[in-house]
């Protein structure tokens, strides 16, 4: 039996998890749960099953009346492997007629692409009509599409498992301190909480980075943190599990603050994109920093490799430029690899350019363009000393 202090989150968060995940299945409804990758749903579910008494006596009683079987589809590349997992838990899987049996499938998005596993479990579900399902999905897929493809699972509702609150991450870090007998400096703990943004598994990763050198961790900017091999894969994994449309919308929102891009409900419901009083924001500064790095790579590749860039990000970039910036940028694009003289730029931005000519004003305009195309290192827009500028080399 665990001490109440060693719960992996606040009691409120555990109860919320219970309500979204287990309660529908307990009441006889199969349910699909959207969550972030590596969110710890598997261990969270196991903890609630194992330590239900510590959370709530009613939950304990309800769980005792059910047979809950947790399967991990990452380990199920074929119908034979998933059959083996089931037989490890069920004496006679060919004849389950017990309405109290609930299967929990982690990494259930594999069902969408793996015909063999989906066909096996769909047949199993149809045969065992009383079995209930809890499917954890980490991929952004329209619920209607999932229902169509997984019809035999009889999924009638879905929930989004939101990111945890700051005090849940505090509870998690406090538990790590007690269990492993070390002390996290207050400033480092606050920075971990801020950067984790409610992503509990990621908080442990950041804790590992911080413990290498607390002082260095405090001084390290997000631009450096996101490049660390311990950190970047976690953020990249979230981005890669989003739909292509959502990925593009998020990247466009990084480029242009003028345009309102349609961010999917999935991002809001799961907490990746959050409404604030001043303006919407991302759950973690590290996620925003990662998006900036993706934008930079995609924009630079598009600008350098294509004579007539047509990527949606280019359109977002153009819309974010002022009239003068747009005219100069388009002129640079038209003669990519060739010098655009200062005098030519002056003629673009001033009618009576001879009278208004100012190297300072031209340099400021070029500086603004560089900032908007994420070219602080001057890898795209080159300066030719005392002559002008060009895109490429």
Protein backbone atom coordinates (compact mmCIF):
# COMPACT_ATOMS: atom_id res chain seq x y z
CA UNK A 1 0.00 0.00 0.00
CA UNK A 2 1.33 3.43 -0.97
CA UNK A 3 1.34 6.50 1.20
CA UNK A 4 -1.12 9.18 0.03
CA UNK A 5 1.88 11.50 -0.47
CA UNK A 6 3.24 9.15 -3.12
CA UNK A 7 0.30 9.49 -5.49
CA UNK A 8 1.67 10.44 -8.95
CA UNK A 9 -0.57 13.53 -9.15
CA UNK A 10 -3.15 15.40 -7.11
CA UNK A 11 -6.20 13.47 -6.05
CA UNK A 12 -8.31 15.79 -8.20
CA UNK A 13 -6.30 14.82 -11.28
CA UNK A 14 -6.62 11.11 -10.52
CA UNK A 15 -10.38 11.50 -10.15
CA UNK A 16 -10.56 13.41 -13.45
CA UNK A 17 -8.62 10.60 -15.16
CA UNK A 18 -11.03 8.07 -13.64
CA UNK A 19 -14.07 10.03 -14.81
CA UNK A 20 -12.84 10.41 -18.41
CA UNK A 21 -11.22 7.00 -18.88
CA UNK A 22 -12.74 4.33 -16.64
CA UNK A 23 -16.20 5.59 -15.71
CA UNK A 24 -17.76 5.22 -19.20
CA UNK A 25 -16.49 1.62 -19.49
CA UNK A 26 -17.67 0.82 -15.95
CA UNK A 27 -21.12 2.03 -17.05
CA UNK A 28 -21.00 -0.23 -20.11
CA UNK A 29 -19.74 2.12 -22.85
CA UNK A 30 -16.61 1.65 -24.94
CA UNK A 31 -14.66 4.91 -25.18
CA UNK A 32 -11.79 6.44 -27.12
CA UNK A 33 -9.32 8.68 -25.26
CA UNK A 34 -7.11 11.13 -27.13
CA UNK A 35 -3.82 11.84 -25.35
CA UNK A 36 -0.29 13.04 -26.02
CA UNK A 37 2.38 10.45 -26.89
CA UNK A 38 4.40 9.15 -23.93
CA UNK A 39 1.87 10.77 -21.59
CA UNK A 40 2.07 7.91 -19.10
CA UNK A 41 -1.52 6.73 -19.53
CA UNK A 42 -0.45 3.11 -19.18
CA UNK A 43 1.26 3.58 -15.80
CA UNK A 44 -1.47 5.98 -14.66
CA UNK A 45 -4.18 3.42 -15.44
CA UNK A 46 -2.23 0.64 -13.72
CA UNK A 47 -1.72 2.84 -10.65
CA UNK A 48 -5.45 3.56 -10.34
CA UNK A 49 -6.29 -0.14 -10.68
CA UNK A 50 -3.63 -1.16 -8.15
CA UNK A 51 -4.15 1.62 -5.60
CA UNK A 52 -7.84 2.43 -6.04
CA UNK A 53 -8.42 2.25 -2.29
CA UNK A 54 -6.08 5.21 -1.76
CA UNK A 55 -8.14 7.35 -4.12
CA UNK A 56 -11.77 6.55 -3.43
CA UNK A 57 -13.68 3.67 -1.78
CA UNK A 58 -16.39 3.77 -4.47
CA UNK A 59 -13.77 3.48 -7.22
CA UNK A 60 -12.21 0.54 -5.39
CA UNK A 61 -15.57 -1.24 -5.20
CA UNK A 62 -16.38 -0.63 -8.88
CA UNK A 63 -12.97 -1.79 -10.07
CA UNK A 64 -13.17 -4.96 -7.95
CA UNK A 65 -16.31 -5.90 -9.87
CA UNK A 66 -14.52 -5.70 -13.25
CA UNK A 67 -11.80 -7.63 -15.06
CA UNK A 68 -9.55 -4.98 -16.62
CA UNK A 69 -6.93 -6.17 -19.10
CA UNK A 70 -4.30 -3.69 -20.36
CA UNK A 71 -2.69 -4.45 -23.73
CA UNK A 72 0.10 -2.49 -25.46
CA UNK A 73 -0.31 -2.49 -29.23
CA UNK A 74 3.29 -1.38 -29.74
CA UNK A 75 4.18 -4.93 -28.82
CA UNK A 76 1.56 -6.32 -31.23
CA UNK A 77 2.95 -6.27 -34.76
CA UNK A 78 0.74 -9.20 -35.76
CA UNK A 79 -2.47 -10.95 -34.79
CA UNK A 80 -0.40 -13.78 -33.29
CA UNK A 81 1.37 -11.40 -30.90
CA UNK A 82 -1.83 -9.70 -29.73
CA UNK A 83 -3.45 -13.12 -29.31
CA UNK A 84 -0.51 -14.14 -27.11
CA UNK A 85 -0.97 -11.00 -24.97
CA UNK A 86 -4.66 -11.74 -24.51
CA UNK A 87 -4.05 -15.39 -23.58
CA UNK A 88 -1.61 -14.28 -20.87
CA UNK A 89 -4.57 -12.61 -19.14
CA UNK A 90 -7.62 -14.64 -20.16
CA UNK A 91 -8.07 -18.36 -19.58
CA UNK A 92 -10.52 -18.85 -22.45
CA UNK A 93 -10.32 -15.87 -24.85
CA UNK A 94 -12.50 -17.69 -27.41
CA UNK A 95 -15.52 -17.53 -25.13
CA UNK A 96 -15.68 -14.33 -23.06
CA UNK A 97 -19.33 -13.75 -22.18
CA UNK A 98 -18.68 -11.61 -19.14
CA UNK A 99 -20.02 -8.01 -19.33
CA UNK A 100 -17.51 -7.11 -16.62
CA UNK A 101 -14.49 -7.53 -18.92
CA UNK A 102 -12.80 -4.30 -20.08
CA UNK A 103 -9.85 -4.18 -22.46
CA UNK A 104 -7.54 -1.15 -22.35
CA UNK A 105 -5.51 -0.65 -25.55
CA UNK A 106 -2.47 1.62 -25.44
CA UNK A 107 -1.14 2.98 -28.75
CA UNK A 108 -4.52 2.18 -30.32
CA UNK A 109 -3.74 4.34 -33.36
CA UNK A 110 -1.86 1.27 -34.65
CA UNK A 111 -5.33 -0.19 -35.39
CA UNK A 112 -5.79 2.40 -38.15
CA UNK A 113 -2.77 1.26 -40.18
CA UNK A 114 -2.23 -2.36 -39.14
CA UNK A 115 -4.89 -4.35 -40.99
CA UNK A 116 -3.85 -7.67 -39.44
CA UNK A 117 -4.15 -6.53 -35.80
CA UNK A 118 -7.31 -4.50 -36.50
CA UNK A 119 -9.00 -7.44 -38.24
CA UNK A 120 -8.10 -9.81 -35.41
CA UNK A 121 -9.35 -7.51 -32.64
CA UNK A 122 -12.46 -6.51 -34.64
CA UNK A 123 -13.36 -10.18 -35.03
CA UNK A 124 -12.59 -10.75 -31.36
CA UNK A 125 -14.80 -7.78 -30.41
CA UNK A 126 -17.69 -8.98 -32.57
CA UNK A 127 -17.44 -12.49 -31.14
CA UNK A 128 -17.18 -11.28 -27.56
CA UNK A 129 -20.10 -8.87 -27.78
CA UNK A 130 -20.17 -8.01 -24.09
CA UNK A 131 -16.53 -6.85 -23.90
CA UNK A 132 -15.94 -3.10 -23.43
CA UNK A 133 -12.97 -1.17 -24.83
CA UNK A 134 -10.86 1.80 -23.72
CA UNK A 135 -8.71 2.92 -26.65
CA UNK A 136 -5.84 5.38 -26.05
CA UNK A 137 -5.08 7.32 -29.23
CA UNK A 138 -1.99 9.56 -29.54
CA UNK A 139 -2.56 10.39 -33.22
CA UNK A 140 -4.80 13.25 -34.31
CA UNK A 141 -7.42 11.44 -36.36
CA UNK A 142 -11.01 12.61 -36.82
CA UNK A 143 -13.30 10.70 -34.48
CA UNK A 144 -15.73 10.09 -37.36
CA UNK A 145 -12.94 8.40 -39.35
CA UNK A 146 -12.04 6.23 -36.36
CA UNK A 147 -15.66 5.22 -35.85
CA UNK A 148 -15.91 4.24 -39.51
CA UNK A 149 -12.76 2.13 -39.47
CA UNK A 150 -13.25 0.63 -36.01
CA UNK A 151 -17.01 0.11 -36.19
CA UNK A 152 -16.95 -3.34 -34.60
CA UNK A 153 -15.47 -1.88 -31.40
CA UNK A 154 -18.75 0.06 -30.90
CA UNK A 155 -17.01 3.28 -29.81
CA UNK A 156 -19.76 5.85 -29.30
CA UNK A 157 -17.91 8.67 -27.55
CA UNK A 158 -14.46 10.18 -27.16
CA UNK A 159 -12.68 12.31 -24.58
CA UNK A 160 -9.48 14.34 -24.68
CA UNK A 161 -7.11 13.77 -21.79
CA UNK A 162 -5.89 17.28 -20.96
CA UNK A 163 -2.42 18.25 -19.81
CA UNK A 164 -2.01 18.34 -16.05
CA UNK A 165 -2.00 21.45 -13.92
CA UNK A 166 1.13 22.99 -12.41
CA UNK A 167 0.34 21.65 -8.96
CA UNK A 168 0.17 18.11 -10.40
CA UNK A 169 3.72 18.54 -11.71
CA UNK A 170 4.75 19.88 -8.29
CA UNK A 171 3.33 16.74 -6.66
CA UNK A 172 5.27 14.60 -9.15
CA UNK A 173 8.57 16.41 -8.48
CA UNK A 174 8.02 16.26 -4.71
CA UNK A 175 7.51 12.51 -5.02
CA UNK A 176 10.74 12.15 -7.02
CA UNK A 177 12.60 13.99 -4.25
CA UNK A 178 11.22 11.68 -1.55
CA UNK A 179 11.69 8.46 -3.44
CA UNK A 180 15.23 9.13 -4.65
CA UNK A 181 16.41 11.25 -1.74
CA UNK A 182 17.59 14.45 -3.39
CA UNK A 183 16.53 18.09 -3.25
CA UNK A 184 15.60 20.22 -6.28
CA UNK A 185 16.43 23.94 -5.85
CA UNK A 186 13.26 26.05 -5.89
CA UNK A 187 14.24 28.07 -8.97
CA UNK A 188 15.05 24.91 -10.93
CA UNK A 189 11.77 23.30 -9.86
CA UNK A 190 9.82 26.37 -11.01
CA UNK A 191 11.59 26.35 -14.38
CA UNK A 192 10.85 22.63 -14.87
CA UNK A 193 7.17 23.24 -14.10
CA UNK A 194 7.02 26.19 -16.50
CA UNK A 195 8.76 24.33 -19.35
CA UNK A 196 6.87 21.06 -18.85
CA UNK A 197 3.54 22.81 -19.30
CA UNK A 198 1.60 20.00 -17.62
CA UNK A 199 3.30 17.23 -19.63
CA UNK A 200 4.25 15.00 -16.72
CA UNK A 201 6.54 12.53 -18.52
CA UNK A 202 8.41 15.46 -20.04
CA UNK A 203 8.84 16.99 -16.57
CA UNK A 204 10.89 13.92 -15.62
CA UNK A 205 13.07 14.43 -18.70
CA UNK A 206 13.68 18.07 -17.77
CA UNK A 207 14.45 17.02 -14.20
CA UNK A 208 17.13 14.68 -15.56
CA UNK A 209 18.66 17.55 -17.54
CA UNK A 210 18.50 19.91 -14.54
CA UNK A 211 20.18 17.43 -12.19
CA UNK A 212 23.27 17.33 -14.41
CA UNK A 213 23.98 20.94 -13.40
CA UNK A 214 21.27 23.03 -11.74
CA UNK A 215 23.14 26.29 -12.26
CA UNK A 216 23.70 25.64 -15.98
CA UNK A 217 20.06 24.58 -16.37
CA UNK A 218 18.82 27.86 -14.93
CA UNK A 219 20.99 29.88 -17.31
CA UNK A 220 20.24 27.79 -20.41
CA UNK A 221 17.87 29.54 -22.89
CA UNK A 222 15.09 27.63 -24.64
CA UNK A 223 17.01 27.86 -27.94
CA UNK A 224 19.76 25.68 -26.40
CA UNK A 225 17.48 23.40 -24.37
CA UNK A 226 15.43 22.37 -27.41
CA UNK A 227 18.63 21.24 -29.16
CA UNK A 228 19.52 18.78 -26.39
CA UNK A 229 19.20 15.11 -27.42
CA UNK A 230 17.25 14.38 -24.23
CA UNK A 231 14.68 17.11 -24.93
CA UNK A 232 14.09 17.54 -28.68
CA UNK A 233 12.67 14.04 -29.42
CA UNK A 234 9.84 14.51 -26.92
CA UNK A 235 8.65 17.76 -28.48
CA UNK A 236 9.16 16.42 -32.00
CA UNK A 237 7.03 13.39 -31.11
CA UNK A 238 4.06 15.61 -30.19
CA UNK A 239 4.35 17.52 -33.47
CA UNK A 240 4.66 14.36 -35.58
CA UNK A 241 1.43 12.94 -34.09
CA UNK A 242 -0.60 15.93 -35.29
CA UNK A 243 -2.40 15.95 -38.63
CA UNK A 244 -0.64 17.62 -41.59
CA UNK A 245 -3.27 20.34 -41.63
CA UNK A 246 -2.75 21.12 -37.93
CA UNK A 247 1.02 21.10 -38.35
CA UNK A 248 0.77 23.68 -41.14
CA UNK A 249 -1.64 25.87 -39.15
CA UNK A 250 0.66 25.90 -36.11
CA UNK A 251 3.67 26.79 -38.26
CA UNK A 252 1.70 29.55 -39.97
CA UNK A 253 0.74 30.97 -36.58
CA UNK A 254 4.46 31.23 -35.77
CA UNK A 255 5.18 33.18 -38.97
CA UNK A 256 2.32 35.65 -38.97
CA UNK A 257 0.54 37.26 -36.06
CA UNK A 258 -1.68 39.28 -38.43
CA UNK A 259 -3.66 36.36 -39.82
CA UNK A 260 -5.97 34.19 -37.76
CA UNK A 261 -5.25 30.57 -38.60
CA UNK A 262 -7.74 27.85 -37.79
CA UNK A 263 -6.14 25.70 -35.10
CA UNK A 264 -7.87 22.34 -34.70
CA UNK A 265 -10.10 21.67 -31.71
CA UNK A 266 -7.77 18.78 -30.91
CA UNK A 267 -4.98 21.24 -29.99
CA UNK A 268 -7.26 23.20 -27.68
CA UNK A 269 -8.95 20.21 -26.04
CA UNK A 270 -5.70 18.40 -25.34
CA UNK A 271 -3.97 21.62 -24.25
CA UNK A 272 -1.20 22.06 -26.84
CA UNK A 273 -2.67 25.45 -27.78
CA UNK A 274 -4.21 27.43 -24.94
CA UNK A 275 -6.41 30.52 -24.82
CA UNK A 276 -5.02 33.31 -22.66
CA UNK A 277 -6.37 36.78 -21.95
CA UNK A 278 -3.75 38.56 -24.04
CA UNK A 279 -3.29 36.02 -26.85
CA UNK A 280 -3.33 32.25 -27.43
CA UNK A 281 -0.14 30.52 -26.37
CA UNK A 282 1.55 27.13 -26.56
CA UNK A 283 1.63 24.77 -23.59
CA UNK A 284 5.44 25.07 -23.32
CA UNK A 285 8.00 27.66 -24.51
CA UNK A 286 10.02 24.68 -25.75
CA UNK A 287 7.21 23.62 -28.09
CA UNK A 288 7.09 27.15 -29.52
CA UNK A 289 10.88 27.12 -29.92
CA UNK A 290 10.69 23.80 -31.74
CA UNK A 291 8.05 25.19 -34.12
CA UNK A 292 10.32 28.15 -34.87
CA UNK A 293 13.16 25.79 -35.77
CA UNK A 294 10.84 23.81 -38.09
CA UNK A 295 9.60 27.03 -39.70
CA UNK A 296 13.17 28.19 -40.24
CA UNK A 297 14.21 24.95 -41.96
CA UNK A 298 11.11 24.72 -44.15
CA UNK A 299 11.17 28.40 -45.14
CA UNK A 300 14.86 28.40 -45.94
CA UNK A 301 14.59 25.22 -48.00
CA UNK A 302 11.62 26.62 -49.90
CA UNK A 303 13.28 29.99 -50.55
CA UNK A 304 16.61 28.52 -51.65
CA UNK A 305 15.42 25.50 -53.64
CA UNK A 306 12.43 26.88 -55.58
CA UNK A 307 12.36 29.68 -58.13
CA UNK A 308 8.66 30.28 -57.49
CA UNK A 309 7.97 29.19 -53.89
CA UNK A 310 4.36 28.07 -53.42
CA UNK A 311 4.46 26.46 -49.97
CA UNK A 312 1.66 27.69 -47.63
CA UNK A 313 4.35 29.00 -45.27
CA UNK A 314 5.60 31.34 -48.02
CA UNK A 315 2.12 32.81 -48.36
CA UNK A 316 2.01 33.32 -44.59
CA UNK A 317 5.40 35.00 -44.75
CA UNK A 318 4.36 37.33 -47.58
CA UNK A 319 1.20 38.33 -45.69
CA UNK A 320 3.33 39.23 -42.67
CA UNK A 321 5.53 41.66 -44.64
CA UNK A 322 4.78 45.36 -45.02
CA UNK A 323 4.25 46.74 -48.53
CA UNK A 324 7.88 47.90 -48.77
CA UNK A 325 9.27 44.67 -47.30
CA UNK A 326 7.16 42.60 -49.68
CA UNK A 327 8.35 44.55 -52.75
CA UNK A 328 12.02 44.21 -51.79
CA UNK A 329 11.68 40.52 -50.82
CA UNK A 330 9.96 39.68 -54.13
CA UNK A 331 12.70 41.54 -56.02
CA UNK A 332 15.34 39.48 -54.18
CA UNK A 333 13.45 36.27 -55.01
CA UNK A 334 13.17 37.14 -58.71
CA UNK A 335 16.95 37.40 -59.06
CA UNK A 336 17.97 34.73 -56.58
CA UNK A 337 21.73 34.20 -56.59
CA UNK A 338 22.31 37.63 -58.10
CA UNK A 339 23.12 40.95 -56.47
CA UNK A 340 20.29 43.40 -55.83
CA UNK A 341 22.06 46.73 -55.57
CA UNK A 342 21.29 49.26 -52.88
CA UNK A 343 20.28 51.74 -55.57
CA UNK A 344 17.74 49.23 -56.92
CA UNK A 345 16.27 48.78 -53.45
CA UNK A 346 16.08 52.55 -53.03
CA UNK A 347 14.12 52.84 -56.30
CA UNK A 348 11.66 50.21 -55.02
CA UNK A 349 10.93 51.95 -51.72
CA UNK A 350 11.17 55.64 -52.70
CA UNK A 351 9.83 57.42 -55.78
CA UNK A 352 12.28 60.32 -55.42
CA UNK A 353 14.99 57.94 -54.26
CA UNK A 354 17.94 60.23 -54.97
CA UNK A 355 16.67 62.74 -52.43
CA UNK A 356 15.54 60.22 -49.81
CA UNK A 357 18.38 57.70 -50.18
CA UNK A 358 19.55 56.36 -46.81
CA UNK A 359 21.82 53.38 -46.23
CA UNK A 360 20.58 53.30 -42.66
CA UNK A 361 16.92 52.99 -43.76
CA UNK A 362 17.80 50.25 -46.27
CA UNK A 363 19.75 48.30 -43.64
CA UNK A 364 16.83 48.57 -41.20
CA UNK A 365 14.39 47.28 -43.83
CA UNK A 366 16.67 44.33 -44.67
CA UNK A 367 17.03 43.62 -40.94
CA UNK A 368 13.23 43.45 -40.57
CA UNK A 369 12.97 41.05 -43.52
CA UNK A 370 15.70 38.84 -42.03
CA UNK A 371 13.82 38.70 -38.73
CA UNK A 372 10.57 37.70 -40.45
CA UNK A 373 12.23 34.93 -42.47
CA UNK A 374 14.02 33.65 -39.35
CA UNK A 375 17.44 34.46 -40.80
CA UNK A 376 19.28 35.88 -37.79
CA UNK A 377 22.43 34.01 -38.85
CA UNK A 378 22.26 35.50 -42.37
CA UNK A 379 22.25 32.10 -44.05
CA UNK A 380 19.61 33.11 -46.63
CA UNK A 381 19.86 36.84 -47.19
CA UNK A 382 23.50 37.73 -47.82
CA UNK A 383 25.05 41.19 -47.47
CA UNK A 384 27.51 42.17 -50.21
CA UNK A 385 29.62 44.84 -48.53
CA UNK A 386 28.87 48.38 -49.83
CA UNK A 387 27.02 46.99 -52.87
CA UNK A 388 23.74 45.37 -51.89
CA UNK A 389 22.10 42.08 -51.00
CA UNK A 390 21.13 38.73 -52.47
CA UNK A 391 19.32 35.51 -51.63
CA UNK A 392 21.57 32.47 -51.84
CA UNK A 393 25.23 32.51 -52.69
